[in-house]
Amino acid sequence: MSSTSAAAQHLRDLARLRRVRDRIDREYAKPLDVEALARGANMSAGHLSRQFRLAYGESPYAYLMTRRIERAMALLRRGDLSVTEVCFAVGCASLGTFSTRFTELVGVPPSTYRARTAHTTAELPSCITRQVTRPIRNREARATQPQLA
């Protein structure tokens, strides 16, 4: 394969990965799994996972869960839904898995997050609220800690 055709193939693969990421962003509340995403991109599940990780730094499943947790955070800040209602509204089928993943990404359980933030961000514009309350993955948190001399 020539370098020109390899570059063209790489661009086509990136476009397919972008479509997968966009689908996750749009359909986060629907039942999605790597196999279904791969079928939609005409790729094998293993190839999709490897290429997605290379392009975006995390697996498709981790990206999906981060989107679900971001949306859950917004719903919990509103304060009018229970944790269970939020869990199912964002597409999670298991309250236990949702709570575990939420705690991993946010640092506190969903019920604690709801109690702490239900009214504290009410006056902030949504774009600011989204930025300051965005979940931080564990590896990102470790990378941003100040280095001591």
C-alpha atoms as a PDB file:
ATOM      1  CA  MET A   1       0.000   0.000   0.000  1.00  0.00           C
ATOM      2  CA  SER A   2       1.432   3.395  -0.940  1.00  0.00           C
ATOM      3  CA  SER A   3       1.774   6.167   1.593  1.00  0.00           C
ATOM      4  CA  THR A   4      -0.939   8.152  -0.208  1.00  0.00           C
ATOM      5  CA  SER A   5      -3.463   5.317   0.004  1.00  0.00           C
ATOM      6  CA  ALA A   6      -2.458   4.605   3.628  1.00  0.00           C
ATOM      7  CA  ALA A   7      -3.051   8.260   4.492  1.00  0.00           C
ATOM      8  CA  ALA A   8      -6.421   8.190   2.718  1.00  0.00           C
ATOM      9  CA  GLN A   9      -7.398   5.019   4.631  1.00  0.00           C
ATOM     10  CA  HIS A  10      -6.339   6.639   7.908  1.00  0.00           C
ATOM     11  CA  LEU A  11      -8.580   9.637   7.180  1.00  0.00           C
ATOM     12  CA  ARG A  12     -11.507   7.337   6.377  1.00  0.00           C
ATOM     13  CA  ASP A  13     -10.937   5.471   9.653  1.00  0.00           C
ATOM     14  CA  LEU A  14     -10.843   8.748  11.597  1.00  0.00           C
ATOM     15  CA  ALA A  15     -14.120   9.803   9.974  1.00  0.00           C
ATOM     16  CA  ARG A  16     -15.726   6.493  11.024  1.00  0.00           C
ATOM     17  CA  LEU A  17     -14.420   6.937  14.571  1.00  0.00           C
ATOM     18  CA  ARG A  18     -15.809  10.464  14.671  1.00  0.00           C
ATOM     19  CA  ARG A  19     -19.206   9.104  13.596  1.00  0.00           C
ATOM     20  CA  VAL A  20     -19.026   6.509  16.399  1.00  0.00           C
ATOM     21  CA  ARG A  21     -18.178   9.225  18.931  1.00  0.00           C
ATOM     22  CA  ASP A  22     -21.005  11.423  17.618  1.00  0.00           C
ATOM     23  CA  ARG A  23     -23.420   8.492  17.880  1.00  0.00           C
ATOM     24  CA  ILE A  24     -22.389   7.944  21.503  1.00  0.00           C
ATOM     25  CA  ASP A  25     -22.926  11.657  22.205  1.00  0.00           C
ATOM     26  CA  ARG A  26     -26.404  11.544  20.629  1.00  0.00           C
ATOM     27  CA  GLU A  27     -27.600   8.144  21.827  1.00  0.00           C
ATOM     28  CA  TYR A  28     -25.928   7.848  25.263  1.00  0.00           C
ATOM     29  CA  ALA A  29     -29.274   7.015  26.899  1.00  0.00           C
ATOM     30  CA  LYS A  30     -29.966   4.111  24.548  1.00  0.00           C
ATOM     31  CA  PRO A  31     -28.609   0.615  25.053  1.00  0.00           C
ATOM     32  CA  LEU A  32     -25.229   0.799  23.324  1.00  0.00           C
ATOM     33  CA  ASP A  33     -22.426  -1.711  23.350  1.00  0.00           C
ATOM     34  CA  VAL A  34     -19.127  -1.906  21.510  1.00  0.00           C
ATOM     35  CA  GLU A  35     -20.423  -4.629  19.173  1.00  0.00           C
ATOM     36  CA  ALA A  36     -23.377  -2.488  18.053  1.00  0.00           C
ATOM     37  CA  LEU A  37     -21.142   0.553  17.604  1.00  0.00           C
ATOM     38  CA  ALA A  38     -18.647  -1.528  15.612  1.00  0.00           C
ATOM     39  CA  ARG A  39     -21.382  -2.929  13.357  1.00  0.00           C
ATOM     40  CA  GLY A  40     -22.537   0.621  12.631  1.00  0.00           C
ATOM     41  CA  ALA A  41     -18.985   1.568  11.636  1.00  0.00           C
ATOM     42  CA  ASN A  42     -18.359  -1.621   9.617  1.00  0.00           C
ATOM     43  CA  MET A  43     -15.494  -2.606  11.924  1.00  0.00           C
ATOM     44  CA  SER A  44     -14.854  -5.469  14.291  1.00  0.00           C
ATOM     45  CA  ALA A  45     -15.378  -4.702  17.972  1.00  0.00           C
ATOM     46  CA  GLY A  46     -11.697  -5.264  18.733  1.00  0.00           C
ATOM     47  CA  HIS A  47     -10.522  -3.028  15.911  1.00  0.00           C
ATOM     48  CA  LEU A  48     -12.980  -0.289  16.899  1.00  0.00           C
ATOM     49  CA  SER A  49     -11.828  -0.416  20.519  1.00  0.00           C
ATOM     50  CA  ARG A  50      -8.139  -0.238  19.584  1.00  0.00           C
ATOM     51  CA  GLN A  51      -8.591   2.561  17.057  1.00  0.00           C
ATOM     52  CA  PHE A  52     -10.954   4.549  19.292  1.00  0.00           C
ATOM     53  CA  ARG A  53      -8.455   4.355  22.163  1.00  0.00           C
ATOM     54  CA  LEU A  54      -5.634   5.506  19.858  1.00  0.00           C
ATOM     55  CA  ALA A  55      -7.701   8.430  18.561  1.00  0.00           C
ATOM     56  CA  TYR A  56      -9.423   9.571  21.781  1.00  0.00           C
ATOM     57  CA  GLY A  57      -7.349   8.156  24.630  1.00  0.00           C
ATOM     58  CA  GLU A  58     -10.065   5.928  26.068  1.00  0.00           C
ATOM     59  CA  SER A  59     -12.218   2.990  25.070  1.00  0.00           C
ATOM     60  CA  PRO A  60     -15.657   3.503  23.510  1.00  0.00           C
ATOM     61  CA  TYR A  61     -17.240   2.112  26.700  1.00  0.00           C
ATOM     62  CA  ALA A  62     -15.313   4.548  28.928  1.00  0.00           C
ATOM     63  CA  TYR A  63     -16.314   7.422  26.635  1.00  0.00           C
ATOM     64  CA  LEU A  64     -19.963   6.336  26.776  1.00  0.00           C
ATOM     65  CA  MET A  65     -19.924   6.096  30.560  1.00  0.00           C
ATOM     66  CA  THR A  66     -18.318   9.527  30.863  1.00  0.00           C
ATOM     67  CA  ARG A  67     -21.091  11.028  28.707  1.00  0.00           C
ATOM     68  CA  ARG A  68     -23.728   9.258  30.820  1.00  0.00           C
ATOM     69  CA  ILE A  69     -22.179  10.505  34.056  1.00  0.00           C
ATOM     70  CA  GLU A  70     -21.953  14.076  32.712  1.00  0.00           C
ATOM     71  CA  ARG A  71     -25.660  13.976  31.893  1.00  0.00           C
ATOM     72  CA  ALA A  72     -26.442  12.374  35.238  1.00  0.00           C
ATOM     73  CA  MET A  73     -24.607  15.190  36.992  1.00  0.00           C
ATOM     74  CA  ALA A  74     -26.817  17.750  35.234  1.00  0.00           C
ATOM     75  CA  LEU A  75     -29.988  15.846  36.162  1.00  0.00           C
ATOM     76  CA  LEU A  76     -28.874  15.454  39.778  1.00  0.00           C
ATOM     77  CA  ARG A  77     -28.123  19.193  40.045  1.00  0.00           C
ATOM     78  CA  ARG A  78     -31.740  19.905  39.088  1.00  0.00           C
ATOM     79  CA  GLY A  79     -32.763  18.019  42.221  1.00  0.00           C
ATOM     80  CA  ASP A  80     -36.189  16.859  41.018  1.00  0.00           C
ATOM     81  CA  LEU A  81     -35.261  13.235  40.189  1.00  0.00           C
ATOM     82  CA  SER A  82     -34.144  10.426  42.449  1.00  0.00           C
ATOM     83  CA  VAL A  83     -30.784   8.765  41.885  1.00  0.00           C
ATOM     84  CA  THR A  84     -32.592   5.694  40.531  1.00  0.00           C
ATOM     85  CA  GLU A  85     -34.600   7.794  38.060  1.00  0.00           C
ATOM     86  CA  VAL A  86     -31.413   9.511  36.890  1.00  0.00           C
ATOM     87  CA  CYS A  87     -29.643   6.161  36.521  1.00  0.00           C
ATOM     88  CA  PHE A  88     -32.275   4.875  34.113  1.00  0.00           C
ATOM     89  CA  ALA A  89     -32.725   8.244  32.356  1.00  0.00           C
ATOM     90  CA  VAL A  90     -29.081   8.244  31.234  1.00  0.00           C
ATOM     91  CA  GLY A  91     -29.210   4.677  29.912  1.00  0.00           C
ATOM     92  CA  CYS A  92     -27.678   2.672  32.744  1.00  0.00           C
ATOM     93  CA  ALA A  93     -29.397  -0.628  33.481  1.00  0.00           C
ATOM     94  CA  SER A  94     -27.818  -1.254  36.875  1.00  0.00           C
ATOM     95  CA  LEU A  95     -28.014   1.161  39.795  1.00  0.00           C
ATOM     96  CA  GLY A  96     -24.961  -0.483  41.357  1.00  0.00           C
ATOM     97  CA  THR A  97     -22.805  -0.069  38.261  1.00  0.00           C
ATOM     98  CA  PHE A  98     -24.051   3.498  37.822  1.00  0.00           C
ATOM     99  CA  SER A  99     -23.235   4.414  41.437  1.00  0.00           C
ATOM    100  CA  THR A 100     -19.801   2.791  41.275  1.00  0.00           C
ATOM    101  CA  ARG A 101     -18.897   4.501  38.000  1.00  0.00           C
ATOM    102  CA  PHE A 102     -20.303   7.840  39.182  1.00  0.00           C
ATOM    103  CA  THR A 103     -18.219   7.658  42.362  1.00  0.00           C
ATOM    104  CA  GLU A 104     -15.087   6.751  40.375  1.00  0.00           C
ATOM    105  CA  LEU A 105     -15.467   9.710  38.015  1.00  0.00           C
ATOM    106  CA  VAL A 106     -16.905  12.352  40.320  1.00  0.00           C
ATOM    107  CA  GLY A 107     -15.365  11.395  43.654  1.00  0.00           C
ATOM    108  CA  VAL A 108     -18.597  11.150  45.633  1.00  0.00           C
ATOM    109  CA  PRO A 109     -21.669   8.903  45.360  1.00  0.00           C
ATOM    110  CA  PRO A 110     -24.589  10.265  43.305  1.00  0.00           C
ATOM    111  CA  SER A 111     -26.775  10.843  46.374  1.00  0.00           C
ATOM    112  CA  THR A 112     -24.041  12.936  48.015  1.00  0.00           C
ATOM    113  CA  TYR A 113     -23.463  14.857  44.791  1.00  0.00           C
ATOM    114  CA  ARG A 114     -27.191  15.563  44.506  1.00  0.00           C
ATOM    115  CA  ALA A 115     -27.415  16.815  48.085  1.00  0.00           C
ATOM    116  CA  ARG A 116     -24.351  19.056  47.730  1.00  0.00           C
ATOM    117  CA  THR A 117     -25.084  20.610  44.346  1.00  0.00           C
ATOM    118  CA  ALA A 118     -28.851  20.736  43.942  1.00  0.00           C
ATOM    119  CA  HIS A 119     -29.000  24.452  44.709  1.00  0.00           C
ATOM    120  CA  THR A 120     -25.390  25.655  44.638  1.00  0.00           C
ATOM    121  CA  THR A 121     -25.121  25.972  40.854  1.00  0.00           C
ATOM    122  CA  ALA A 122     -28.627  27.319  40.239  1.00  0.00           C
ATOM    123  CA  GLU A 123     -27.499  30.895  39.499  1.00  0.00           C
ATOM    124  CA  LEU A 124     -24.576  29.974  37.239  1.00  0.00           C
ATOM    125  CA  PRO A 125     -24.969  29.902  33.454  1.00  0.00           C
ATOM    126  CA  SER A 126     -25.188  26.330  32.196  1.00  0.00           C
ATOM    127  CA  CYS A 127     -21.969  26.641  30.168  1.00  0.00           C
ATOM    128  CA  ILE A 128     -20.019  27.559  33.327  1.00  0.00           C
ATOM    129  CA  THR A 129     -21.752  24.915  35.435  1.00  0.00           C
ATOM    130  CA  ARG A 130     -20.916  22.248  32.854  1.00  0.00           C
ATOM    131  CA  GLN A 131     -17.240  23.254  32.812  1.00  0.00           C
ATOM    132  CA  VAL A 132     -16.694  23.408  36.587  1.00  0.00           C
ATOM    133  CA  THR A 133     -18.640  20.229  37.336  1.00  0.00           C
ATOM    134  CA  ARG A 134     -17.262  18.069  34.512  1.00  0.00           C
ATOM    135  CA  PRO A 135     -16.158  14.643  35.753  1.00  0.00           C
ATOM    136  CA  ILE A 136     -12.424  14.064  35.814  1.00  0.00           C
ATOM    137  CA  ARG A 137     -11.117  10.620  35.012  1.00  0.00           C
ATOM    138  CA  ASN A 138      -8.685   9.189  37.574  1.00  0.00           C
ATOM    139  CA  ARG A 139      -5.721   9.334  35.207  1.00  0.00           C
ATOM    140  CA  GLU A 140      -6.458  13.002  34.465  1.00  0.00           C
ATOM    141  CA  ALA A 141      -6.666  13.818  38.156  1.00  0.00           C
ATOM    142  CA  ARG A 142      -3.272  12.214  38.789  1.00  0.00           C
ATOM    143  CA  ALA A 143      -1.687  14.055  35.863  1.00  0.00           C
ATOM    144  CA  THR A 144      -2.815  17.505  37.052  1.00  0.00           C
ATOM    145  CA  GLN A 145      -1.539  17.276  40.625  1.00  0.00           C
ATOM    146  CA  PRO A 146       1.276  19.734  41.323  1.00  0.00           C
ATOM    147  CA  GLN A 147       4.756  18.277  41.524  1.00  0.00           C
ATOM    148  CA  LEU A 148       6.630  18.941  44.766  1.00  0.00           C
ATOM    149  CA  ALA A 149      10.330  19.795  44.563  1.00  0.00           C
END
